[in-house]
Full PDB file with SEQRES, HELIX, SHEET, SSBOND, CRYST1, ORIGX, SCALE, CONECT and MASTER records, all heavy atoms in Angstrom:
SEQRES   1 A   40  THR HIS GLU ILE ARG PHE GLY ASP ASN ASP ARG LEU ALA          
SEQRES   2 A   40  ALA LEU VAL SER GLN LEU VAL GLY ALA ASP ALA LEU VAL          
SEQRES   3 A   40  LEU LEU SER ASP VAL ASP ALA LEU TYR THR ARG PRO PRO          
SEQRES   4 A   40  GLN                                                          
HELIX    1 AA1 ASN A    9  VAL A   20  1                                  12    
CRYST1    1.000    1.000    1.000  90.00  90.00  90.00 P 1           1          
ORIGX1      1.000000  0.000000  0.000000        0.00000                         
ORIGX2      0.000000  1.000000  0.000000        0.00000                         
ORIGX3      0.000000  0.000000  1.000000        0.00000                         
SCALE1      1.000000  0.000000  0.000000        0.00000                         
SCALE2      0.000000  1.000000  0.000000        0.00000                         
SCALE3      0.000000  0.000000  1.000000        0.00000                         
ATOM      1  N   THR A   1      -7.851 -33.388 -89.379  1.00  0.00           N  
ATOM      2  CA  THR A   1      -8.300 -33.168 -90.761  1.00  0.00           C  
ATOM      3  C   THR A   1      -9.501 -34.110 -91.047  1.00  0.00           C  
ATOM      4  O   THR A   1      -9.739 -35.104 -90.259  1.00  0.00           O  
ATOM      5  CB  THR A   1      -7.228 -33.415 -91.756  1.00  0.00           C  
ATOM      6  OG1 THR A   1      -6.912 -34.863 -91.782  1.00  0.00           O  
ATOM      7  CG2 THR A   1      -5.982 -32.581 -91.375  1.00  0.00           C  
ATOM      8  N   HIS A   2     -10.260 -33.822 -92.066  1.00  0.00           N  
ATOM      9  CA  HIS A   2     -11.362 -34.660 -92.404  1.00  0.00           C  
ATOM     10  C   HIS A   2     -10.836 -36.081 -92.833  1.00  0.00           C  
ATOM     11  O   HIS A   2     -11.539 -37.059 -92.620  1.00  0.00           O  
ATOM     12  CB  HIS A   2     -12.165 -34.073 -93.587  1.00  0.00           C  
ATOM     13  CG  HIS A   2     -12.933 -32.924 -93.222  1.00  0.00           C  
ATOM     14  ND1 HIS A   2     -13.840 -32.838 -92.144  1.00  0.00           N  
ATOM     15  CD2 HIS A   2     -13.063 -31.668 -93.836  1.00  0.00           C  
ATOM     16  CE1 HIS A   2     -14.441 -31.672 -92.113  1.00  0.00           C  
ATOM     17  NE2 HIS A   2     -13.921 -31.001 -93.127  1.00  0.00           N  
ATOM     18  N   GLU A   3      -9.710 -36.120 -93.342  1.00  0.00           N  
ATOM     19  CA  GLU A   3      -9.099 -37.412 -93.946  1.00  0.00           C  
ATOM     20  C   GLU A   3      -8.613 -38.354 -92.818  1.00  0.00           C  
ATOM     21  O   GLU A   3      -8.691 -39.548 -92.929  1.00  0.00           O  
ATOM     22  CB  GLU A   3      -8.007 -37.112 -94.940  1.00  0.00           C  
ATOM     23  CG  GLU A   3      -8.475 -36.489 -96.208  1.00  0.00           C  
ATOM     24  CD  GLU A   3      -8.836 -34.989 -96.062  1.00  0.00           C  
ATOM     25  OE1 GLU A   3      -8.298 -34.361 -95.046  1.00  0.00           O  
ATOM     26  OE2 GLU A   3      -9.554 -34.418 -96.858  1.00  0.00           O  
ATOM     27  N   ILE A   4      -8.081 -37.774 -91.784  1.00  0.00           N  
ATOM     28  CA  ILE A   4      -7.479 -38.594 -90.716  1.00  0.00           C  
ATOM     29  C   ILE A   4      -7.997 -38.094 -89.336  1.00  0.00           C  
ATOM     30  O   ILE A   4      -7.494 -37.078 -88.818  1.00  0.00           O  
ATOM     31  CB  ILE A   4      -5.914 -38.508 -90.716  1.00  0.00           C  
ATOM     32  CG1 ILE A   4      -5.392 -38.902 -92.102  1.00  0.00           C  
ATOM     33  CG2 ILE A   4      -5.347 -39.376 -89.646  1.00  0.00           C  
ATOM     34  CD1 ILE A   4      -3.873 -38.694 -92.167  1.00  0.00           C  
ATOM     35  N   ARG A   5      -8.977 -38.762 -88.825  1.00  0.00           N  
ATOM     36  CA  ARG A   5      -9.464 -38.497 -87.552  1.00  0.00           C  
ATOM     37  C   ARG A   5     -10.125 -39.704 -86.965  1.00  0.00           C  
ATOM     38  O   ARG A   5     -10.410 -40.684 -87.708  1.00  0.00           O  
ATOM     39  CB  ARG A   5     -10.376 -37.293 -87.521  1.00  0.00           C  
ATOM     40  CG  ARG A   5     -11.647 -37.382 -88.341  1.00  0.00           C  
ATOM     41  CD  ARG A   5     -12.426 -36.099 -88.344  1.00  0.00           C  
ATOM     42  NE  ARG A   5     -12.542 -35.418 -87.021  1.00  0.00           N  
ATOM     43  CZ  ARG A   5     -12.659 -34.212 -86.726  1.00  0.00           C  
ATOM     44  NH1 ARG A   5     -12.696 -33.264 -87.745  1.00  0.00           N  
ATOM     45  NH2 ARG A   5     -12.772 -33.732 -85.538  1.00  0.00           N  
ATOM     46  N   PHE A   6     -10.431 -39.779 -85.674  1.00  0.00           N  
ATOM     47  CA  PHE A   6     -11.129 -40.862 -85.078  1.00  0.00           C  
ATOM     48  C   PHE A   6     -12.541 -41.181 -85.645  1.00  0.00           C  
ATOM     49  O   PHE A   6     -13.055 -42.332 -85.625  1.00  0.00           O  
ATOM     50  CB  PHE A   6     -11.161 -40.732 -83.579  1.00  0.00           C  
ATOM     51  CG  PHE A   6      -9.888 -40.705 -82.971  1.00  0.00           C  
ATOM     52  CD1 PHE A   6      -9.255 -39.507 -82.417  1.00  0.00           C  
ATOM     53  CD2 PHE A   6      -9.103 -41.834 -82.736  1.00  0.00           C  
ATOM     54  CE1 PHE A   6      -8.072 -39.468 -81.821  1.00  0.00           C  
ATOM     55  CE2 PHE A   6      -7.863 -41.811 -82.251  1.00  0.00           C  
ATOM     56  CZ  PHE A   6      -7.352 -40.640 -81.798  1.00  0.00           C  
ATOM     57  N   GLY A   7     -13.260 -40.095 -86.056  1.00  0.00           N  
ATOM     58  CA  GLY A   7     -14.612 -40.190 -86.547  1.00  0.00           C  
ATOM     59  C   GLY A   7     -15.606 -39.933 -85.487  1.00  0.00           C  
ATOM     60  O   GLY A   7     -16.588 -39.290 -85.770  1.00  0.00           O  
ATOM     61  N   ASP A   8     -15.388 -40.412 -84.263  1.00  0.00           N  
ATOM     62  CA  ASP A   8     -16.233 -40.040 -83.148  1.00  0.00           C  
ATOM     63  C   ASP A   8     -15.486 -40.361 -81.860  1.00  0.00           C  
ATOM     64  O   ASP A   8     -14.521 -41.177 -81.904  1.00  0.00           O  
ATOM     65  CB  ASP A   8     -17.504 -40.880 -83.256  1.00  0.00           C  
ATOM     66  CG  ASP A   8     -17.333 -42.316 -83.171  1.00  0.00           C  
ATOM     67  OD1 ASP A   8     -17.157 -42.821 -82.052  1.00  0.00           O  
ATOM     68  OD2 ASP A   8     -17.329 -42.948 -84.245  1.00  0.00           O  
ATOM     69  N   ASN A   9     -15.900 -39.826 -80.750  1.00  0.00           N  
ATOM     70  CA  ASN A   9     -15.187 -39.971 -79.516  1.00  0.00           C  
ATOM     71  C   ASN A   9     -15.551 -41.295 -78.846  1.00  0.00           C  
ATOM     72  O   ASN A   9     -14.933 -41.622 -77.810  1.00  0.00           O  
ATOM     73  CB  ASN A   9     -15.397 -38.779 -78.599  1.00  0.00           C  
ATOM     74  CG  ASN A   9     -14.327 -37.624 -78.809  1.00  0.00           C  
ATOM     75  OD1 ASN A   9     -13.518 -37.784 -79.701  1.00  0.00           O  
ATOM     76  ND2 ASN A   9     -14.406 -36.593 -78.030  1.00  0.00           N  
ATOM     77  N   ASP A  10     -16.506 -41.985 -79.302  1.00  0.00           N  
ATOM     78  CA  ASP A  10     -16.813 -43.379 -78.746  1.00  0.00           C  
ATOM     79  C   ASP A  10     -15.603 -44.275 -79.128  1.00  0.00           C  
ATOM     80  O   ASP A  10     -15.107 -44.959 -78.354  1.00  0.00           O  
ATOM     81  CB  ASP A  10     -18.111 -43.866 -79.253  1.00  0.00           C  
ATOM     82  CG  ASP A  10     -19.315 -43.160 -78.813  1.00  0.00           C  
ATOM     83  OD1 ASP A  10     -19.360 -42.827 -77.628  1.00  0.00           O  
ATOM     84  OD2 ASP A  10     -20.287 -42.843 -79.622  1.00  0.00           O  
ATOM     85  N   ARG A  11     -15.188 -44.172 -80.349  1.00  0.00           N  
ATOM     86  CA  ARG A  11     -14.071 -44.904 -80.833  1.00  0.00           C  
ATOM     87  C   ARG A  11     -12.810 -44.489 -80.122  1.00  0.00           C  
ATOM     88  O   ARG A  11     -11.944 -45.304 -79.687  1.00  0.00           O  
ATOM     89  CB  ARG A  11     -13.867 -44.868 -82.339  1.00  0.00           C  
ATOM     90  CG  ARG A  11     -12.633 -45.628 -82.852  1.00  0.00           C  
ATOM     91  CD  ARG A  11     -12.616 -45.688 -84.392  1.00  0.00           C  
ATOM     92  NE  ARG A  11     -11.358 -46.381 -84.727  1.00  0.00           N  
ATOM     93  CZ  ARG A  11     -11.279 -47.691 -84.842  1.00  0.00           C  
ATOM     94  NH1 ARG A  11     -12.326 -48.528 -84.458  1.00  0.00           N  
ATOM     95  NH2 ARG A  11     -10.133 -48.282 -85.165  1.00  0.00           N  
ATOM     96  N   LEU A  12     -12.635 -43.159 -79.994  1.00  0.00           N  
ATOM     97  CA  LEU A  12     -11.499 -42.648 -79.278  1.00  0.00           C  
ATOM     98  C   LEU A  12     -11.461 -43.245 -77.850  1.00  0.00           C  
ATOM     99  O   LEU A  12     -10.401 -43.648 -77.319  1.00  0.00           O  
ATOM    100  CB  LEU A  12     -11.525 -41.129 -79.189  1.00  0.00           C  
ATOM    101  CG  LEU A  12     -10.579 -40.476 -78.233  1.00  0.00           C  
ATOM    102  CD1 LEU A  12      -9.030 -40.817 -78.627  1.00  0.00           C  
ATOM    103  CD2 LEU A  12     -10.708 -38.988 -78.261  1.00  0.00           C  
ATOM    104  N   ALA A  13     -12.586 -43.313 -77.167  1.00  0.00           N  
ATOM    105  CA  ALA A  13     -12.634 -43.859 -75.767  1.00  0.00           C  
ATOM    106  C   ALA A  13     -12.250 -45.371 -75.785  1.00  0.00           C  
ATOM    107  O   ALA A  13     -11.575 -45.721 -74.837  1.00  0.00           O  
ATOM    108  CB  ALA A  13     -14.090 -43.620 -75.275  1.00  0.00           C  
ATOM    109  N   ALA A  14     -12.672 -46.032 -76.812  1.00  0.00           N  
ATOM    110  CA  ALA A  14     -12.317 -47.476 -76.853  1.00  0.00           C  
ATOM    111  C   ALA A  14     -10.811 -47.656 -77.023  1.00  0.00           C  
ATOM    112  O   ALA A  14     -10.182 -48.462 -76.346  1.00  0.00           O  
ATOM    113  CB  ALA A  14     -13.098 -48.133 -77.939  1.00  0.00           C  
ATOM    114  N   LEU A  15     -10.237 -46.804 -77.862  1.00  0.00           N  
ATOM    115  CA  LEU A  15      -8.821 -46.868 -78.132  1.00  0.00           C  
ATOM    116  C   LEU A  15      -8.034 -46.410 -76.850  1.00  0.00           C  
ATOM    117  O   LEU A  15      -6.974 -46.965 -76.590  1.00  0.00           O  
ATOM    118  CB  LEU A  15      -8.433 -45.971 -79.313  1.00  0.00           C  
ATOM    119  CG  LEU A  15      -8.984 -46.524 -80.668  1.00  0.00           C  
ATOM    120  CD1 LEU A  15      -8.657 -45.554 -81.752  1.00  0.00           C  
ATOM    121  CD2 LEU A  15      -8.410 -47.873 -81.011  1.00  0.00           C  
ATOM    122  N   VAL A  16      -8.490 -45.401 -76.159  1.00  0.00           N  
ATOM    123  CA  VAL A  16      -7.841 -44.916 -74.923  1.00  0.00           C  
ATOM    124  C   VAL A  16      -7.927 -46.132 -73.839  1.00  0.00           C  
ATOM    125  O   VAL A  16      -6.992 -46.342 -73.141  1.00  0.00           O  
ATOM    126  CB  VAL A  16      -8.552 -43.709 -74.369  1.00  0.00           C  
ATOM    127  CG1 VAL A  16      -8.011 -43.411 -72.987  1.00  0.00           C  
ATOM    128  CG2 VAL A  16      -8.194 -42.479 -75.288  1.00  0.00           C  
ATOM    129  N   SER A  17      -9.068 -46.791 -73.863  1.00  0.00           N  
ATOM    130  CA  SER A  17      -9.174 -47.924 -72.881  1.00  0.00           C  
ATOM    131  C   SER A  17      -8.145 -48.899 -73.183  1.00  0.00           C  
ATOM    132  O   SER A  17      -7.586 -49.599 -72.310  1.00  0.00           O  
ATOM    133  CB  SER A  17     -10.627 -48.585 -73.039  1.00  0.00           C  
ATOM    134  OG  SER A  17     -11.622 -47.621 -72.705  1.00  0.00           O  
ATOM    135  N   GLN A  18      -7.873 -49.231 -74.463  1.00  0.00           N  
ATOM    136  CA  GLN A  18      -6.823 -50.218 -74.844  1.00  0.00           C  
ATOM    137  C   GLN A  18      -5.476 -49.639 -74.500  1.00  0.00           C  
ATOM    138  O   GLN A  18      -4.641 -50.328 -73.942  1.00  0.00           O  
ATOM    139  CB  GLN A  18      -6.857 -50.511 -76.318  1.00  0.00           C  
ATOM    140  CG  GLN A  18      -7.990 -51.292 -76.804  1.00  0.00           C  
ATOM    141  CD  GLN A  18      -7.975 -51.582 -78.279  1.00  0.00           C  
ATOM    142  OE1 GLN A  18      -7.462 -50.786 -79.070  1.00  0.00           O  
ATOM    143  NE2 GLN A  18      -8.481 -52.768 -78.655  1.00  0.00           N  
ATOM    144  N   LEU A  19      -5.287 -48.376 -74.685  1.00  0.00           N  
ATOM    145  CA  LEU A  19      -4.053 -47.670 -74.498  1.00  0.00           C  
ATOM    146  C   LEU A  19      -3.579 -47.778 -72.984  1.00  0.00           C  
ATOM    147  O   LEU A  19      -2.435 -48.057 -72.623  1.00  0.00           O  
ATOM    148  CB  LEU A  19      -4.038 -46.209 -74.944  1.00  0.00           C  
ATOM    149  CG  LEU A  19      -2.794 -45.375 -74.747  1.00  0.00           C  
ATOM    150  CD1 LEU A  19      -1.786 -45.814 -75.793  1.00  0.00           C  
ATOM    151  CD2 LEU A  19      -3.092 -43.889 -74.931  1.00  0.00           C  
ATOM    152  N   VAL A  20      -4.557 -47.553 -72.100  1.00  0.00           N  
ATOM    153  CA  VAL A  20      -4.240 -47.494 -70.659  1.00  0.00           C  
ATOM    154  C   VAL A  20      -4.591 -48.802 -69.883  1.00  0.00           C  
ATOM    155  O   VAL A  20      -4.366 -48.879 -68.719  1.00  0.00           O  
ATOM    156  CB  VAL A  20      -5.073 -46.344 -69.971  1.00  0.00           C  
ATOM    157  CG1 VAL A  20      -4.659 -45.043 -70.577  1.00  0.00           C  
ATOM    158  CG2 VAL A  20      -6.506 -46.563 -69.958  1.00  0.00           C  
ATOM    159  N   GLY A  21      -5.047 -49.849 -70.699  1.00  0.00           N  
ATOM    160  CA  GLY A  21      -5.388 -51.000 -70.027  1.00  0.00           C  
ATOM    161  C   GLY A  21      -6.505 -50.908 -69.086  1.00  0.00           C  
ATOM    162  O   GLY A  21      -6.496 -51.490 -67.924  1.00  0.00           O  
ATOM    163  N   ALA A  22      -7.679 -50.257 -69.484  1.00  0.00           N  
ATOM    164  CA  ALA A  22      -8.759 -49.991 -68.510  1.00  0.00           C  
ATOM    165  C   ALA A  22      -9.540 -51.251 -68.237  1.00  0.00           C  
ATOM    166  O   ALA A  22      -9.700 -52.167 -69.087  1.00  0.00           O  
ATOM    167  CB  ALA A  22      -9.694 -49.004 -69.165  1.00  0.00           C  
ATOM    168  N   ASP A  23     -10.032 -51.410 -67.076  1.00  0.00           N  
ATOM    169  CA  ASP A  23     -10.839 -52.499 -66.677  1.00  0.00           C  
ATOM    170  C   ASP A  23     -12.331 -52.344 -67.141  1.00  0.00           C  
ATOM    171  O   ASP A  23     -13.029 -53.340 -67.368  1.00  0.00           O  
ATOM    172  CB  ASP A  23     -10.821 -52.730 -65.115  1.00  0.00           C  
ATOM    173  CG  ASP A  23      -9.410 -52.769 -64.574  1.00  0.00           C  
ATOM    174  OD1 ASP A  23      -8.650 -53.532 -65.177  1.00  0.00           O  
ATOM    175  OD2 ASP A  23      -9.076 -52.108 -63.631  1.00  0.00           O  
ATOM    176  N   ALA A  24     -12.749 -51.139 -67.248  1.00  0.00           N  
ATOM    177  CA  ALA A  24     -14.137 -50.837 -67.596  1.00  0.00           C  
ATOM    178  C   ALA A  24     -14.237 -49.465 -68.413  1.00  0.00           C  
ATOM    179  O   ALA A  24     -13.388 -48.613 -68.161  1.00  0.00           O  
ATOM    180  CB  ALA A  24     -15.030 -50.762 -66.435  1.00  0.00           C  
ATOM    181  N   LEU A  25     -15.099 -49.383 -69.305  1.00  0.00           N  
ATOM    182  CA  LEU A  25     -15.433 -48.279 -70.154  1.00  0.00           C  
ATOM    183  C   LEU A  25     -16.874 -47.969 -69.972  1.00  0.00           C  
ATOM    184  O   LEU A  25     -17.730 -48.772 -70.151  1.00  0.00           O  
ATOM    185  CB  LEU A  25     -15.099 -48.504 -71.558  1.00  0.00           C  
ATOM    186  CG  LEU A  25     -15.566 -47.487 -72.606  1.00  0.00           C  
ATOM    187  CD1 LEU A  25     -14.985 -46.173 -72.346  1.00  0.00           C  
ATOM    188  CD2 LEU A  25     -15.254 -47.994 -74.033  1.00  0.00           C  
ATOM    189  N   VAL A  26     -17.222 -46.733 -69.601  1.00  0.00           N  
ATOM    190  CA  VAL A  26     -18.583 -46.287 -69.448  1.00  0.00           C  
ATOM    191  C   VAL A  26     -18.884 -45.238 -70.589  1.00  0.00           C  
ATOM    192  O   VAL A  26     -18.224 -44.120 -70.558  1.00  0.00           O  
ATOM    193  CB  VAL A  26     -18.877 -45.658 -68.094  1.00  0.00           C  
ATOM    194  CG1 VAL A  26     -20.337 -45.216 -67.917  1.00  0.00           C  
ATOM    195  CG2 VAL A  26     -18.548 -46.688 -66.977  1.00  0.00           C  
ATOM    196  N   LEU A  27     -19.723 -45.553 -71.486  1.00  0.00           N  
ATOM    197  CA  LEU A  27     -20.095 -44.682 -72.606  1.00  0.00           C  
ATOM    198  C   LEU A  27     -21.433 -43.982 -72.256  1.00  0.00           C  
ATOM    199  O   LEU A  27     -22.427 -44.602 -72.167  1.00  0.00           O  
ATOM    200  CB  LEU A  27     -20.216 -45.481 -73.868  1.00  0.00           C  
ATOM    201  CG  LEU A  27     -19.039 -46.120 -74.399  1.00  0.00           C  
ATOM    202  CD1 LEU A  27     -19.336 -47.006 -75.612  1.00  0.00           C  
ATOM    203  CD2 LEU A  27     -17.899 -45.063 -74.829  1.00  0.00           C  
ATOM    204  N   LEU A  28     -21.386 -42.696 -72.156  1.00  0.00           N  
ATOM    205  CA  LEU A  28     -22.565 -41.903 -71.718  1.00  0.00           C  
ATOM    206  C   LEU A  28     -23.165 -41.168 -72.889  1.00  0.00           C  
ATOM    207  O   LEU A  28     -22.468 -40.667 -73.810  1.00  0.00           O  
ATOM    208  CB  LEU A  28     -22.132 -40.875 -70.591  1.00  0.00           C  
ATOM    209  CG  LEU A  28     -21.508 -41.422 -69.360  1.00  0.00           C  
ATOM    210  CD1 LEU A  28     -21.046 -40.228 -68.474  1.00  0.00           C  
ATOM    211  CD2 LEU A  28     -22.456 -42.322 -68.647  1.00  0.00           C  
ATOM    212  N   SER A  29     -24.503 -41.029 -72.905  1.00  0.00           N  
ATOM    213  CA  SER A  29     -25.213 -40.312 -73.901  1.00  0.00           C  
ATOM    214  C   SER A  29     -26.460 -39.723 -73.346  1.00  0.00           C  
ATOM    215  O   SER A  29     -26.594 -39.580 -72.094  1.00  0.00           O  
ATOM    216  CB  SER A  29     -25.581 -41.163 -75.070  1.00  0.00           C  
ATOM    217  OG  SER A  29     -26.595 -42.173 -74.731  1.00  0.00           O  
ATOM    218  N   ASP A  30     -27.448 -39.393 -74.126  1.00  0.00           N  
ATOM    219  CA  ASP A  30     -28.687 -38.848 -73.646  1.00  0.00           C  
ATOM    220  C   ASP A  30     -29.747 -39.892 -73.399  1.00  0.00           C  
ATOM    221  O   ASP A  30     -30.842 -39.652 -72.935  1.00  0.00           O  
ATOM    222  CB  ASP A  30     -29.313 -37.896 -74.667  1.00  0.00           C  
ATOM    223  CG  ASP A  30     -28.392 -36.716 -74.954  1.00  0.00           C  
ATOM    224  OD1 ASP A  30     -27.579 -36.353 -74.033  1.00  0.00           O  
ATOM    225  OD2 ASP A  30     -28.279 -36.302 -76.151  1.00  0.00           O  
ATOM    226  N   VAL A  31     -29.411 -41.218 -73.689  1.00  0.00           N  
ATOM    227  CA  VAL A  31     -30.386 -42.376 -73.615  1.00  0.00           C  
ATOM    228  C   VAL A  31     -29.922 -43.292 -72.541  1.00  0.00           C  
ATOM    229  O   VAL A  31     -28.622 -43.569 -72.380  1.00  0.00           O  
ATOM    230  CB  VAL A  31     -30.515 -43.088 -74.937  1.00  0.00           C  
ATOM    231  CG1 VAL A  31     -31.557 -44.211 -74.859  1.00  0.00           C  
ATOM    232  CG2 VAL A  31     -30.923 -42.033 -76.078  1.00  0.00           C  
ATOM    233  N   ASP A  32     -30.777 -43.860 -71.769  1.00  0.00           N  
ATOM    234  CA  ASP A  32     -30.448 -44.643 -70.579  1.00  0.00           C  
ATOM    235  C   ASP A  32     -29.836 -45.978 -70.899  1.00  0.00           C  
ATOM    236  O   ASP A  32     -29.156 -46.589 -70.031  1.00  0.00           O  
ATOM    237  CB  ASP A  32     -31.620 -44.849 -69.669  1.00  0.00           C  
ATOM    238  CG  ASP A  32     -32.709 -45.746 -70.260  1.00  0.00           C  
ATOM    239  OD1 ASP A  32     -32.951 -45.688 -71.540  1.00  0.00           O  
ATOM    240  OD2 ASP A  32     -33.321 -46.512 -69.589  1.00  0.00           O  
ATOM    241  N   ALA A  33     -29.967 -46.453 -72.126  1.00  0.00           N  
ATOM    242  CA  ALA A  33     -29.452 -47.825 -72.569  1.00  0.00           C  
ATOM    243  C   ALA A  33     -29.630 -47.908 -74.072  1.00  0.00           C  
ATOM    244  O   ALA A  33     -30.145 -46.927 -74.719  1.00  0.00           O  
ATOM    245  CB  ALA A  33     -30.176 -48.862 -71.847  1.00  0.00           C  
ATOM    246  N   LEU A  34     -29.126 -48.996 -74.596  1.00  0.00           N  
ATOM    247  CA  LEU A  34     -29.414 -49.371 -76.025  1.00  0.00           C  
ATOM    248  C   LEU A  34     -30.704 -50.048 -76.065  1.00  0.00           C  
ATOM    249  O   LEU A  34     -31.130 -50.758 -75.150  1.00  0.00           O  
ATOM    250  CB  LEU A  34     -28.283 -50.228 -76.538  1.00  0.00           C  
ATOM    251  CG  LEU A  34     -26.890 -49.651 -76.552  1.00  0.00           C  
ATOM    252  CD1 LEU A  34     -25.894 -50.743 -77.074  1.00  0.00           C  
ATOM    253  CD2 LEU A  34     -26.789 -48.464 -77.511  1.00  0.00           C  
ATOM    254  N   TYR A  35     -31.426 -49.804 -77.258  1.00  0.00           N  
ATOM    255  CA  TYR A  35     -32.730 -50.425 -77.451  1.00  0.00           C  
ATOM    256  C   TYR A  35     -32.763 -51.197 -78.754  1.00  0.00           C  
ATOM    257  O   TYR A  35     -31.807 -50.966 -79.615  1.00  0.00           O  
ATOM    258  CB  TYR A  35     -33.852 -49.381 -77.447  1.00  0.00           C  
ATOM    259  CG  TYR A  35     -34.131 -48.945 -76.016  1.00  0.00           C  
ATOM    260  CD1 TYR A  35     -33.306 -47.964 -75.466  1.00  0.00           C  
ATOM    261  CD2 TYR A  35     -35.247 -49.379 -75.353  1.00  0.00           C  
ATOM    262  CE1 TYR A  35     -33.524 -47.476 -74.111  1.00  0.00           C  
ATOM    263  CE2 TYR A  35     -35.518 -48.853 -74.062  1.00  0.00           C  
ATOM    264  CZ  TYR A  35     -34.791 -47.952 -73.513  1.00  0.00           C  
ATOM    265  OH  TYR A  35     -34.998 -47.539 -72.161  1.00  0.00           O  
ATOM    266  N   THR A  36     -33.641 -52.061 -78.940  1.00  0.00           N  
ATOM    267  CA  THR A  36     -33.739 -52.852 -80.206  1.00  0.00           C  
ATOM    268  C   THR A  36     -34.045 -52.005 -81.401  1.00  0.00           C  
ATOM    269  O   THR A  36     -33.908 -52.484 -82.577  1.00  0.00           O  
ATOM    270  CB  THR A  36     -34.799 -54.012 -80.049  1.00  0.00           C  
ATOM    271  OG1 THR A  36     -36.046 -53.386 -79.664  1.00  0.00           O  
ATOM    272  CG2 THR A  36     -34.354 -55.058 -78.990  1.00  0.00           C  
ATOM    273  N   ARG A  37     -34.577 -50.825 -81.207  1.00  0.00           N  
ATOM    274  CA  ARG A  37     -34.843 -49.879 -82.231  1.00  0.00           C  
ATOM    275  C   ARG A  37     -34.797 -48.518 -81.561  1.00  0.00           C  
ATOM    276  O   ARG A  37     -34.779 -48.377 -80.312  1.00  0.00           O  
ATOM    277  CB  ARG A  37     -36.119 -50.072 -82.908  1.00  0.00           C  
ATOM    278  CG  ARG A  37     -37.362 -50.067 -82.057  1.00  0.00           C  
ATOM    279  CD  ARG A  37     -38.630 -50.303 -82.831  1.00  0.00           C  
ATOM    280  NE  ARG A  37     -38.629 -51.638 -83.464  1.00  0.00           N  
ATOM    281  CZ  ARG A  37     -39.597 -52.011 -84.286  1.00  0.00           C  
ATOM    282  NH1 ARG A  37     -40.620 -51.254 -84.638  1.00  0.00           N  
ATOM    283  NH2 ARG A  37     -39.605 -53.280 -84.767  1.00  0.00           N  
ATOM    284  N   PRO A  38     -34.763 -47.425 -82.272  1.00  0.00           N  
ATOM    285  CA  PRO A  38     -34.772 -46.089 -81.606  1.00  0.00           C  
ATOM    286  C   PRO A  38     -35.733 -46.013 -80.488  1.00  0.00           C  
ATOM    287  O   PRO A  38     -36.942 -46.410 -80.764  1.00  0.00           O  
ATOM    288  CB  PRO A  38     -35.048 -45.068 -82.779  1.00  0.00           C  
ATOM    289  CG  PRO A  38     -34.443 -45.792 -83.939  1.00  0.00           C  
ATOM    290  CD  PRO A  38     -34.664 -47.248 -83.733  1.00  0.00           C  
ATOM    291  N   PRO A  39     -35.424 -45.642 -79.369  1.00  0.00           N  
ATOM    292  CA  PRO A  39     -36.390 -45.719 -78.163  1.00  0.00           C  
ATOM    293  C   PRO A  39     -37.660 -45.032 -78.268  1.00  0.00           C  
ATOM    294  O   PRO A  39     -38.632 -45.336 -77.590  1.00  0.00           O  
ATOM    295  CB  PRO A  39     -35.523 -45.239 -76.941  1.00  0.00           C  
ATOM    296  CG  PRO A  39     -34.462 -44.428 -77.635  1.00  0.00           C  
ATOM    297  CD  PRO A  39     -34.136 -45.065 -78.894  1.00  0.00           C  
ATOM    298  N   GLN A  40     -37.674 -43.972 -79.129  1.00  0.00           N  
ATOM    299  CA  GLN A  40     -39.013 -43.283 -79.271  1.00  0.00           C  
ATOM    300  C   GLN A  40     -39.963 -44.024 -80.183  1.00  0.00           C  
ATOM    301  O   GLN A  40     -41.129 -43.570 -80.232  1.00  0.00           O  
ATOM    302  CB  GLN A  40     -38.743 -41.840 -79.793  1.00  0.00           C  
ATOM    303  CG  GLN A  40     -38.328 -41.846 -81.258  1.00  0.00           C  
ATOM    304  CD  GLN A  40     -36.790 -41.985 -81.438  1.00  0.00           C  
ATOM    305  OE1 GLN A  40     -36.093 -42.353 -80.519  1.00  0.00           O  
ATOM    306  NE2 GLN A  40     -36.229 -41.685 -82.607  1.00  0.00           N  
TER     307      GLN A  40                                                      
MASTER        0    0    0    1    0    0    0    6  306    1    0    4          
END                                                                             
């Protein structure tokens, strides 16, 4: 529902990492890395 949800799957992935005791989490998107401002 709109009222109760993760909000985005990045957060879900972090929570799953905690749930399963993951050693590493790889977050994929359309951009090769984070930048100090929007890369464009």
